[in-house]
Amino acid sequence: MIAVDVGGTETKAALVAGTSLDVRALRQRRRATTRDADAVVEDVAQLVDELRAGHDTDVEAVGLVVPGVVDEDCGIGVYSANLGWQDYPFLKEVEARTGLRTAFGHDVRAGGLAELRIGNARGLQNAVIMPIGTGIAAALVLDGRIYRGDGSVGEVGHVDVGHGDPCGCGQTGCVEARASSAAIARRYAERTGRPVRGAADVAKQVRAGDPDAVVVWQEAVDALARGILLVAALLGPEAVVLGGGLALAGPLLTDPLRDRLDGLITFQRRPELRLAALGDEAGCLGAALLAIDMLEER
């Protein structure tokens, strides 16, 4: 399989081998994500060509996952707040451009599928897998399976938790507007006048005791805890598995998040907090699993 994970900032691709229960990346490529759906398709086709070149085994299919609201059955990217497309026929265009059967899905649900089968969500029957990157969404595990609904489920990042800041989606108060990696970096730069490359730089400043970084971090933790509280009230998951770039902060994120959840929770089931196992490979591995499932007609 060739798996492509289109992220809000970066597109990752990999030549992947394996089965529906065990996949591994053999070769990988990365490039910045272009903010135009036609250009994304061209990038996908170029990545497929690069990864096929010089490989002596036939590539059977492409797995493609994208952010936002998706219609997986029709192969359409319905809406992306961060990348700006609307009702774009990704499946049709990628198959036409590459000549390969393509499985199409949502980036977060694909990453959740990988964590469920081969990562830190194995064995869970009811869980929320929440990568935190340019945006925030969640894969919902219900009765041991990824729940996709009509393609618009899991948008935890766009729950209003009451802080009043504007979000790129047009609402105010969204979890994502304070707790995404992009928001943390942006809010720190706005507060201090000092640009940073990402949330990892803000985390370093938190560890160094920078008071502005501490405030931005605490506000992010509060927004994230309130989003998890809503999920706990609605779904009662056994665990919330945190992934994406922000999860690399480890205890700097999970320790205050546990404390804030403890302060907010009253009757709700207290979910275990886990860190994802697959890092930023999860989306690609999940895209490959979607392609395998398509070929096996699971």
C-alpha atoms as a PDB file:
ATOM      1  CA  MET A   1       0.000   0.000   0.000  1.00  0.00           C
ATOM      2  CA  ILE A   2       0.945   3.624  -0.357  1.00  0.00           C
ATOM      3  CA  ALA A   3      -0.564   5.569   2.507  1.00  0.00           C
ATOM      4  CA  VAL A   4      -0.952   9.348   2.496  1.00  0.00           C
ATOM      5  CA  ASP A   5      -1.961  11.405   5.532  1.00  0.00           C
ATOM      6  CA  VAL A   6      -2.826  15.002   4.624  1.00  0.00           C
ATOM      7  CA  GLY A   7      -2.387  17.077   7.770  1.00  0.00           C
ATOM      8  CA  GLY A   8      -3.169  20.696   8.481  1.00  0.00           C
ATOM      9  CA  THR A   9       0.518  21.600   8.210  1.00  0.00           C
ATOM     10  CA  GLU A  10       2.361  18.618   6.744  1.00  0.00           C
ATOM     11  CA  THR A  11       1.523  15.751   4.400  1.00  0.00           C
ATOM     12  CA  LYS A  12       3.098  12.409   5.255  1.00  0.00           C
ATOM     13  CA  ALA A  13       3.296   9.434   2.910  1.00  0.00           C
ATOM     14  CA  ALA A  14       4.678   5.941   3.263  1.00  0.00           C
ATOM     15  CA  LEU A  15       5.093   2.695   1.394  1.00  0.00           C
ATOM     16  CA  VAL A  16       3.499   0.265   3.841  1.00  0.00           C
ATOM     17  CA  ALA A  17       3.455  -3.523   4.025  1.00  0.00           C
ATOM     18  CA  GLY A  18       1.555  -5.847   6.325  1.00  0.00           C
ATOM     19  CA  THR A  19      -1.849  -7.200   7.222  1.00  0.00           C
ATOM     20  CA  SER A  20      -4.997  -5.834   8.804  1.00  0.00           C
ATOM     21  CA  LEU A  21      -3.481  -6.485  12.240  1.00  0.00           C
ATOM     22  CA  ASP A  22       0.165  -5.569  11.659  1.00  0.00           C
ATOM     23  CA  VAL A  23       1.502  -2.876   9.330  1.00  0.00           C
ATOM     24  CA  ARG A  24       4.883  -1.196   9.030  1.00  0.00           C
ATOM     25  CA  ALA A  25       6.287   1.652   6.962  1.00  0.00           C
ATOM     26  CA  LEU A  26       9.103   0.690   4.575  1.00  0.00           C
ATOM     27  CA  ARG A  27       9.824   4.072   2.987  1.00  0.00           C
ATOM     28  CA  GLN A  28       8.550   7.513   3.921  1.00  0.00           C
ATOM     29  CA  ARG A  29       8.183  11.001   2.449  1.00  0.00           C
ATOM     30  CA  ARG A  30       7.002  14.341   3.857  1.00  0.00           C
ATOM     31  CA  ARG A  31       6.143  17.730   2.424  1.00  0.00           C
ATOM     32  CA  ALA A  32       4.268  20.868   3.452  1.00  0.00           C
ATOM     33  CA  THR A  33       0.516  20.674   2.861  1.00  0.00           C
ATOM     34  CA  THR A  34      -0.746  22.985   0.143  1.00  0.00           C
ATOM     35  CA  ARG A  35      -3.905  24.956   0.865  1.00  0.00           C
ATOM     36  CA  ASP A  36      -5.753  23.964  -2.302  1.00  0.00           C
ATOM     37  CA  ALA A  37      -7.542  20.679  -2.940  1.00  0.00           C
ATOM     38  CA  ASP A  38      -6.383  20.318  -6.575  1.00  0.00           C
ATOM     39  CA  ALA A  39      -2.803  20.912  -5.460  1.00  0.00           C
ATOM     40  CA  VAL A  40      -3.223  18.320  -2.701  1.00  0.00           C
ATOM     41  CA  VAL A  41      -4.237  15.723  -5.301  1.00  0.00           C
ATOM     42  CA  GLU A  42      -1.180  16.597  -7.398  1.00  0.00           C
ATOM     43  CA  ASP A  43       1.029  16.240  -4.310  1.00  0.00           C
ATOM     44  CA  VAL A  44      -0.540  12.846  -3.529  1.00  0.00           C
ATOM     45  CA  ALA A  45       0.116  11.656  -7.076  1.00  0.00           C
ATOM     46  CA  GLN A  46       3.749  12.804  -6.931  1.00  0.00           C
ATOM     47  CA  LEU A  47       4.265  11.080  -3.580  1.00  0.00           C
ATOM     48  CA  VAL A  48       2.786   7.861  -4.978  1.00  0.00           C
ATOM     49  CA  ASP A  49       5.152   8.040  -7.962  1.00  0.00           C
ATOM     50  CA  GLU A  50       8.171   8.665  -5.705  1.00  0.00           C
ATOM     51  CA  LEU A  51       7.353   5.780  -3.389  1.00  0.00           C
ATOM     52  CA  ARG A  52       6.634   3.355  -6.225  1.00  0.00           C
ATOM     53  CA  ALA A  53       9.880   4.143  -8.011  1.00  0.00           C
ATOM     54  CA  GLY A  54      12.459   1.398  -7.671  1.00  0.00           C
ATOM     55  CA  HIS A  55      10.195  -0.856  -5.606  1.00  0.00           C
ATOM     56  CA  ASP A  56      10.116  -4.412  -6.936  1.00  0.00           C
ATOM     57  CA  THR A  57       6.729  -5.374  -5.475  1.00  0.00           C
ATOM     58  CA  ASP A  58       3.427  -4.295  -6.971  1.00  0.00           C
ATOM     59  CA  VAL A  59       1.579  -1.585  -5.088  1.00  0.00           C
ATOM     60  CA  GLU A  60      -1.983  -2.788  -4.626  1.00  0.00           C
ATOM     61  CA  ALA A  61      -3.785   0.340  -3.460  1.00  0.00           C
ATOM     62  CA  VAL A  62      -3.587   3.841  -2.028  1.00  0.00           C
ATOM     63  CA  GLY A  63      -4.924   4.817   1.371  1.00  0.00           C
ATOM     64  CA  LEU A  64      -5.689   8.544   1.619  1.00  0.00           C
ATOM     65  CA  VAL A  65      -6.870  10.361   4.730  1.00  0.00           C
ATOM     66  CA  VAL A  66      -7.658  14.061   5.088  1.00  0.00           C
ATOM     67  CA  PRO A  67      -8.799  16.389   7.888  1.00  0.00           C
ATOM     68  CA  GLY A  68     -12.141  18.088   8.416  1.00  0.00           C
ATOM     69  CA  VAL A  69     -15.576  16.668   7.699  1.00  0.00           C
ATOM     70  CA  VAL A  70     -15.468  13.812   5.193  1.00  0.00           C
ATOM     71  CA  ASP A  71     -18.002  11.634   3.411  1.00  0.00           C
ATOM     72  CA  GLU A  72     -16.087   8.354   3.354  1.00  0.00           C
ATOM     73  CA  ASP A  73     -18.714   6.467   1.340  1.00  0.00           C
ATOM     74  CA  CYS A  74     -18.728   9.020  -1.485  1.00  0.00           C
ATOM     75  CA  GLY A  75     -15.027   9.882  -1.223  1.00  0.00           C
ATOM     76  CA  ILE A  76     -15.632  13.578  -0.659  1.00  0.00           C
ATOM     77  CA  GLY A  77     -13.836  16.102   1.535  1.00  0.00           C
ATOM     78  CA  VAL A  78     -16.945  17.926   2.739  1.00  0.00           C
ATOM     79  CA  TYR A  79     -15.313  20.757   4.706  1.00  0.00           C
ATOM     80  CA  SER A  80     -11.961  21.740   6.172  1.00  0.00           C
ATOM     81  CA  ALA A  81     -11.825  24.798   8.438  1.00  0.00           C
ATOM     82  CA  ASN A  82      -8.025  24.885   8.372  1.00  0.00           C
ATOM     83  CA  LEU A  83      -7.404  24.098   4.689  1.00  0.00           C
ATOM     84  CA  GLY A  84     -10.439  25.715   3.108  1.00  0.00           C
ATOM     85  CA  TRP A  85     -11.855  23.071   0.767  1.00  0.00           C
ATOM     86  CA  GLN A  86     -15.526  22.207   0.458  1.00  0.00           C
ATOM     87  CA  ASP A  87     -17.269  19.237  -1.227  1.00  0.00           C
ATOM     88  CA  TYR A  88     -14.151  18.102  -3.077  1.00  0.00           C
ATOM     89  CA  PRO A  89     -14.153  14.634  -4.762  1.00  0.00           C
ATOM     90  CA  PHE A  90     -10.784  13.362  -3.471  1.00  0.00           C
ATOM     91  CA  LEU A  91     -11.414   9.672  -4.149  1.00  0.00           C
ATOM     92  CA  LYS A  92     -12.377  10.186  -7.789  1.00  0.00           C
ATOM     93  CA  GLU A  93      -9.510  12.581  -8.474  1.00  0.00           C
ATOM     94  CA  VAL A  94      -6.793  10.488  -6.799  1.00  0.00           C
ATOM     95  CA  GLU A  95      -7.887   7.272  -8.534  1.00  0.00           C
ATOM     96  CA  ALA A  96      -7.907   9.081 -11.879  1.00  0.00           C
ATOM     97  CA  ARG A  97      -4.482  10.590 -11.269  1.00  0.00           C
ATOM     98  CA  THR A  98      -2.745   7.461  -9.907  1.00  0.00           C
ATOM     99  CA  GLY A  99      -4.607   4.617 -11.631  1.00  0.00           C
ATOM    100  CA  LEU A 100      -4.816   2.792  -8.281  1.00  0.00           C
ATOM    101  CA  ARG A 101      -7.779   1.742  -6.177  1.00  0.00           C
ATOM    102  CA  THR A 102      -8.000   4.173  -3.292  1.00  0.00           C
ATOM    103  CA  ALA A 103      -9.450   3.927   0.192  1.00  0.00           C
ATOM    104  CA  PHE A 104     -10.507   7.314   1.518  1.00  0.00           C
ATOM    105  CA  GLY A 105     -11.073   8.366   5.093  1.00  0.00           C
ATOM    106  CA  HIS A 106     -10.690  10.867   7.902  1.00  0.00           C
ATOM    107  CA  ASP A 107      -7.205  11.457   9.254  1.00  0.00           C
ATOM    108  CA  VAL A 108      -8.117  11.269  12.933  1.00  0.00           C
ATOM    109  CA  ARG A 109     -10.339   8.206  12.609  1.00  0.00           C
ATOM    110  CA  ALA A 110      -7.616   6.473  10.590  1.00  0.00           C
ATOM    111  CA  GLY A 111      -5.050   7.262  13.272  1.00  0.00           C
ATOM    112  CA  GLY A 112      -7.519   6.008  15.856  1.00  0.00           C
ATOM    113  CA  LEU A 113      -7.928   2.774  13.917  1.00  0.00           C
ATOM    114  CA  ALA A 114      -4.153   2.277  13.998  1.00  0.00           C
ATOM    115  CA  GLU A 115      -3.982   2.947  17.746  1.00  0.00           C
ATOM    116  CA  LEU A 116      -6.902   0.558  18.296  1.00  0.00           C
ATOM    117  CA  ARG A 117      -5.341  -2.318  16.340  1.00  0.00           C
ATOM    118  CA  ILE A 118      -1.619  -1.912  16.989  1.00  0.00           C
ATOM    119  CA  GLY A 119      -1.163   0.970  19.446  1.00  0.00           C
ATOM    120  CA  ASN A 120      -2.115   2.136  22.945  1.00  0.00           C
ATOM    121  CA  ALA A 121      -5.864   1.668  22.525  1.00  0.00           C
ATOM    122  CA  ARG A 122      -5.611  -2.096  22.043  1.00  0.00           C
ATOM    123  CA  GLY A 123      -8.081  -3.960  24.209  1.00  0.00           C
ATOM    124  CA  LEU A 124     -10.326  -0.948  24.838  1.00  0.00           C
ATOM    125  CA  GLN A 125     -14.021  -1.277  24.074  1.00  0.00           C
ATOM    126  CA  ASN A 126     -15.015   2.358  24.606  1.00  0.00           C
ATOM    127  CA  ALA A 127     -12.439   5.097  24.234  1.00  0.00           C
ATOM    128  CA  VAL A 128     -11.649   8.463  22.704  1.00  0.00           C
ATOM    129  CA  ILE A 129      -8.437   8.838  20.691  1.00  0.00           C
ATOM    130  CA  MET A 130      -7.596  12.519  20.426  1.00  0.00           C
ATOM    131  CA  PRO A 131      -4.569  13.764  18.478  1.00  0.00           C
ATOM    132  CA  ILE A 132      -3.705  17.396  19.159  1.00  0.00           C
ATOM    133  CA  GLY A 133      -2.047  19.136  16.245  1.00  0.00           C
ATOM    134  CA  THR A 134      -2.976  22.033  13.959  1.00  0.00           C
ATOM    135  CA  GLY A 135      -6.540  21.218  14.987  1.00  0.00           C
ATOM    136  CA  ILE A 136      -8.247  18.881  17.428  1.00  0.00           C
ATOM    137  CA  ALA A 137     -10.664  16.075  16.611  1.00  0.00           C
ATOM    138  CA  ALA A 138     -11.315  12.654  18.086  1.00  0.00           C
ATOM    139  CA  ALA A 139     -11.792   9.089  16.968  1.00  0.00           C
ATOM    140  CA  LEU A 140     -14.584   7.477  18.963  1.00  0.00           C
ATOM    141  CA  VAL A 141     -14.231   3.797  19.840  1.00  0.00           C
ATOM    142  CA  LEU A 142     -17.653   2.350  20.658  1.00  0.00           C
ATOM    143  CA  ASP A 143     -18.057  -1.344  21.429  1.00  0.00           C
ATOM    144  CA  GLY A 144     -14.547  -2.023  20.151  1.00  0.00           C
ATOM    145  CA  ARG A 145     -14.971  -0.376  16.749  1.00  0.00           C
ATOM    146  CA  ILE A 146     -14.239   3.049  15.305  1.00  0.00           C
ATOM    147  CA  TYR A 147     -17.528   4.925  14.984  1.00  0.00           C
ATOM    148  CA  ARG A 148     -17.713   7.109  11.891  1.00  0.00           C
ATOM    149  CA  GLY A 149     -21.415   7.994  11.709  1.00  0.00           C
ATOM    150  CA  ASP A 150     -22.046  10.155   8.663  1.00  0.00           C
ATOM    151  CA  GLY A 151     -18.489  11.492   8.664  1.00  0.00           C
ATOM    152  CA  SER A 152     -19.088  14.522  10.870  1.00  0.00           C
ATOM    153  CA  VAL A 153     -18.564  12.947  14.304  1.00  0.00           C
ATOM    154  CA  GLY A 154     -15.748  13.520  16.766  1.00  0.00           C
ATOM    155  CA  GLU A 155     -15.254  17.270  16.330  1.00  0.00           C
ATOM    156  CA  VAL A 156     -14.303  17.797  19.966  1.00  0.00           C
ATOM    157  CA  GLY A 157     -12.109  20.713  18.950  1.00  0.00           C
ATOM    158  CA  HIS A 158     -15.184  22.699  17.986  1.00  0.00           C
ATOM    159  CA  VAL A 159     -17.058  22.318  21.252  1.00  0.00           C
ATOM    160  CA  ASP A 160     -17.698  25.691  22.945  1.00  0.00           C
ATOM    161  CA  VAL A 161     -16.069  25.569  26.392  1.00  0.00           C
ATOM    162  CA  GLY A 162     -16.848  29.178  27.238  1.00  0.00           C
ATOM    163  CA  HIS A 163     -13.606  31.147  26.870  1.00  0.00           C
ATOM    164  CA  GLY A 164     -14.998  33.437  24.162  1.00  0.00           C
ATOM    165  CA  ASP A 165     -11.985  33.499  21.807  1.00  0.00           C
ATOM    166  CA  PRO A 166     -12.782  33.289  18.076  1.00  0.00           C
ATOM    167  CA  CYS A 167     -12.063  30.089  16.148  1.00  0.00           C
ATOM    168  CA  GLY A 168     -11.278  29.574  12.470  1.00  0.00           C
ATOM    169  CA  CYS A 169     -14.549  27.659  12.100  1.00  0.00           C
ATOM    170  CA  GLY A 170     -16.552  30.859  12.773  1.00  0.00           C
ATOM    171  CA  GLN A 171     -17.621  29.996  16.321  1.00  0.00           C
ATOM    172  CA  THR A 172     -16.200  31.313  19.579  1.00  0.00           C
ATOM    173  CA  GLY A 173     -15.062  29.399  22.645  1.00  0.00           C
ATOM    174  CA  CYS A 174     -13.836  26.291  20.803  1.00  0.00           C
ATOM    175  CA  VAL A 175     -11.447  23.862  22.506  1.00  0.00           C
ATOM    176  CA  GLU A 176      -9.222  24.088  19.437  1.00  0.00           C
ATOM    177  CA  ALA A 177      -8.903  27.884  19.666  1.00  0.00           C
ATOM    178  CA  ARG A 178      -6.888  27.496  22.891  1.00  0.00           C
ATOM    179  CA  ALA A 179      -5.657  23.916  23.155  1.00  0.00           C
ATOM    180  CA  SER A 180      -4.408  22.991  19.675  1.00  0.00           C
ATOM    181  CA  SER A 181      -0.660  23.078  19.086  1.00  0.00           C
ATOM    182  CA  ALA A 182      -1.161  25.886  16.578  1.00  0.00           C
ATOM    183  CA  ALA A 183      -3.252  27.916  19.026  1.00  0.00           C
ATOM    184  CA  ILE A 184      -0.717  27.540  21.834  1.00  0.00           C
ATOM    185  CA  ALA A 185       2.095  28.832  19.619  1.00  0.00           C
ATOM    186  CA  ARG A 186      -0.040  31.654  18.233  1.00  0.00           C
ATOM    187  CA  ARG A 187      -1.342  32.795  21.623  1.00  0.00           C
ATOM    188  CA  TYR A 188       2.138  32.824  23.143  1.00  0.00           C
ATOM    189  CA  ALA A 189       3.452  34.920  20.245  1.00  0.00           C
ATOM    190  CA  GLU A 190       0.532  37.333  20.537  1.00  0.00           C
ATOM    191  CA  ARG A 191       1.022  37.652  24.293  1.00  0.00           C
ATOM    192  CA  THR A 192       4.797  38.197  24.202  1.00  0.00           C
ATOM    193  CA  GLY A 193       5.553  39.541  20.743  1.00  0.00           C
ATOM    194  CA  ARG A 194       8.043  36.681  20.352  1.00  0.00           C
ATOM    195  CA  PRO A 195       7.234  34.245  17.509  1.00  0.00           C
ATOM    196  CA  VAL A 196       7.812  30.542  18.168  1.00  0.00           C
ATOM    197  CA  ARG A 197       7.990  27.593  15.789  1.00  0.00           C
ATOM    198  CA  GLY A 198       5.326  25.585  17.584  1.00  0.00           C
ATOM    199  CA  ALA A 199       3.872  24.374  20.867  1.00  0.00           C
ATOM    200  CA  ALA A 200       7.097  22.481  21.626  1.00  0.00           C
ATOM    201  CA  ASP A 201       8.881  25.824  21.981  1.00  0.00           C
ATOM    202  CA  VAL A 202       6.188  27.027  24.376  1.00  0.00           C
ATOM    203  CA  ALA A 203       6.576  23.817  26.386  1.00  0.00           C
ATOM    204  CA  LYS A 204      10.300  24.573  26.742  1.00  0.00           C
ATOM    205  CA  GLN A 205       9.435  28.019  28.069  1.00  0.00           C
ATOM    206  CA  VAL A 206       6.968  26.488  30.539  1.00  0.00           C
ATOM    207  CA  ARG A 207       9.730  24.244  31.864  1.00  0.00           C
ATOM    208  CA  ALA A 208      11.983  27.293  32.146  1.00  0.00           C
ATOM    209  CA  GLY A 209       9.357  29.111  34.231  1.00  0.00           C
ATOM    210  CA  ASP A 210       8.342  31.770  31.687  1.00  0.00           C
ATOM    211  CA  PRO A 211       5.155  33.244  33.260  1.00  0.00           C
ATOM    212  CA  ASP A 212       3.544  34.041  29.892  1.00  0.00           C
ATOM    213  CA  ALA A 213       4.128  30.487  28.683  1.00  0.00           C
ATOM    214  CA  VAL A 214       2.689  29.133  31.923  1.00  0.00           C
ATOM    215  CA  VAL A 215      -0.520  31.153  31.492  1.00  0.00           C
ATOM    216  CA  VAL A 216      -0.979  30.060  27.868  1.00  0.00           C
ATOM    217  CA  TRP A 217      -0.310  26.428  28.852  1.00  0.00           C
ATOM    218  CA  GLN A 218      -2.745  26.525  31.786  1.00  0.00           C
ATOM    219  CA  GLU A 219      -5.482  27.999  29.607  1.00  0.00           C
ATOM    220  CA  ALA A 220      -4.875  25.294  27.010  1.00  0.00           C
ATOM    221  CA  VAL A 221      -5.072  22.576  29.669  1.00  0.00           C
ATOM    222  CA  ASP A 222      -8.312  24.057  31.016  1.00  0.00           C
ATOM    223  CA  ALA A 223      -9.941  24.108  27.560  1.00  0.00           C
ATOM    224  CA  LEU A 224      -8.810  20.556  26.853  1.00  0.00           C
ATOM    225  CA  ALA A 225     -10.052  19.316  30.238  1.00  0.00           C
ATOM    226  CA  ARG A 226     -13.473  20.867  29.635  1.00  0.00           C
ATOM    227  CA  GLY A 227     -13.678  19.192  26.228  1.00  0.00           C
ATOM    228  CA  ILE A 228     -12.774  15.835  27.779  1.00  0.00           C
ATOM    229  CA  LEU A 229     -15.356  16.410  30.517  1.00  0.00           C
ATOM    230  CA  LEU A 230     -18.069  16.769  27.882  1.00  0.00           C
ATOM    231  CA  VAL A 231     -16.913  13.556  26.199  1.00  0.00           C
ATOM    232  CA  ALA A 232     -16.913  11.811  29.601  1.00  0.00           C
ATOM    233  CA  ALA A 233     -20.467  12.947  30.279  1.00  0.00           C
ATOM    234  CA  LEU A 234     -21.741  11.821  26.874  1.00  0.00           C
ATOM    235  CA  LEU A 235     -19.811   8.601  26.259  1.00  0.00           C
ATOM    236  CA  GLY A 236     -18.253   7.476  29.547  1.00  0.00           C
ATOM    237  CA  PRO A 237     -15.059   6.193  27.883  1.00  0.00           C
ATOM    238  CA  GLU A 238     -12.623   3.905  29.656  1.00  0.00           C
ATOM    239  CA  ALA A 239      -9.720   6.031  28.422  1.00  0.00           C
ATOM    240  CA  VAL A 240      -8.769   9.111  26.455  1.00  0.00           C
ATOM    241  CA  VAL A 241      -5.674   8.452  24.332  1.00  0.00           C
ATOM    242  CA  LEU A 242      -3.824  11.690  23.584  1.00  0.00           C
ATOM    243  CA  GLY A 243      -1.718  11.913  20.451  1.00  0.00           C
ATOM    244  CA  GLY A 244      -0.302  14.438  18.037  1.00  0.00           C
ATOM    245  CA  GLY A 245       2.554  16.829  18.607  1.00  0.00           C
ATOM    246  CA  LEU A 246       1.288  18.168  21.928  1.00  0.00           C
ATOM    247  CA  ALA A 247       1.322  14.691  23.480  1.00  0.00           C
ATOM    248  CA  LEU A 248       5.105  14.691  23.092  1.00  0.00           C
ATOM    249  CA  ALA A 249       5.133  17.038  26.102  1.00  0.00           C
ATOM    250  CA  GLY A 250       4.313  13.940  28.193  1.00  0.00           C
ATOM    251  CA  PRO A 251       3.812  14.649  31.915  1.00  0.00           C
ATOM    252  CA  LEU A 252       3.962  18.414  31.295  1.00  0.00           C
ATOM    253  CA  LEU A 253       0.583  17.914  29.606  1.00  0.00           C
ATOM    254  CA  THR A 254      -0.900  14.890  31.351  1.00  0.00           C
ATOM    255  CA  ASP A 255      -0.126  15.832  34.975  1.00  0.00           C
ATOM    256  CA  PRO A 256      -1.930  19.207  34.988  1.00  0.00           C
ATOM    257  CA  LEU A 257      -4.651  17.773  32.752  1.00  0.00           C
ATOM    258  CA  ARG A 258      -5.378  15.023  35.312  1.00  0.00           C
ATOM    259  CA  ASP A 259      -5.442  17.618  38.081  1.00  0.00           C
ATOM    260  CA  ARG A 260      -7.832  19.873  36.151  1.00  0.00           C
ATOM    261  CA  LEU A 261     -10.110  16.953  35.305  1.00  0.00           C
ATOM    262  CA  ASP A 262     -10.181  15.957  38.972  1.00  0.00           C
ATOM    263  CA  GLY A 263     -11.271  19.499  39.808  1.00  0.00           C
ATOM    264  CA  LEU A 264     -14.054  19.502  37.210  1.00  0.00           C
ATOM    265  CA  ILE A 265     -15.485  15.988  37.425  1.00  0.00           C
ATOM    266  CA  THR A 266     -18.438  15.383  39.705  1.00  0.00           C
ATOM    267  CA  PHE A 267     -20.529  12.371  38.649  1.00  0.00           C
ATOM    268  CA  GLN A 268     -18.869  11.560  35.314  1.00  0.00           C
ATOM    269  CA  ARG A 269     -16.815   8.430  34.791  1.00  0.00           C
ATOM    270  CA  ARG A 270     -13.173   9.426  35.190  1.00  0.00           C
ATOM    271  CA  PRO A 271     -11.368   8.326  32.000  1.00  0.00           C
ATOM    272  CA  GLU A 272      -7.825   7.050  32.170  1.00  0.00           C
ATOM    273  CA  LEU A 273      -5.415   9.332  30.298  1.00  0.00           C
ATOM    274  CA  ARG A 274      -3.012   7.530  27.989  1.00  0.00           C
ATOM    275  CA  LEU A 275      -0.421   8.752  25.519  1.00  0.00           C
ATOM    276  CA  ALA A 276      -0.661   7.408  21.969  1.00  0.00           C
ATOM    277  CA  ALA A 277       1.994   4.886  20.926  1.00  0.00           C
ATOM    278  CA  LEU A 278       2.361   5.542  17.206  1.00  0.00           C
ATOM    279  CA  GLY A 279       3.310   9.219  17.145  1.00  0.00           C
ATOM    280  CA  ASP A 280       2.880  11.027  13.861  1.00  0.00           C
ATOM    281  CA  GLU A 281       2.934   7.714  11.940  1.00  0.00           C
ATOM    282  CA  ALA A 282      -0.585   6.872  13.148  1.00  0.00           C
ATOM    283  CA  GLY A 283      -2.419   8.552  10.272  1.00  0.00           C
ATOM    284  CA  CYS A 284      -0.310   6.856   7.592  1.00  0.00           C
ATOM    285  CA  LEU A 285      -0.577   3.448   9.235  1.00  0.00           C
ATOM    286  CA  GLY A 286      -4.318   3.920   9.610  1.00  0.00           C
ATOM    287  CA  ALA A 287      -4.639   4.932   5.955  1.00  0.00           C
ATOM    288  CA  ALA A 288      -2.840   1.706   5.015  1.00  0.00           C
ATOM    289  CA  LEU A 289      -5.234  -0.281   7.218  1.00  0.00           C
ATOM    290  CA  LEU A 290      -8.176   1.320   5.414  1.00  0.00           C
ATOM    291  CA  ALA A 291      -6.680   0.230   2.096  1.00  0.00           C
ATOM    292  CA  ILE A 292      -6.146  -3.320   3.363  1.00  0.00           C
ATOM    293  CA  ASP A 293      -9.694  -3.446   4.715  1.00  0.00           C
ATOM    294  CA  MET A 294     -10.985  -2.249   1.338  1.00  0.00           C
ATOM    295  CA  LEU A 295      -9.094  -4.990  -0.503  1.00  0.00           C
ATOM    296  CA  GLU A 296     -10.207  -7.617   1.992  1.00  0.00           C
ATOM    297  CA  GLU A 297     -13.758  -6.185   2.035  1.00  0.00           C
ATOM    298  CA  ARG A 298     -13.837  -6.196   5.809  1.00  0.00           C
END
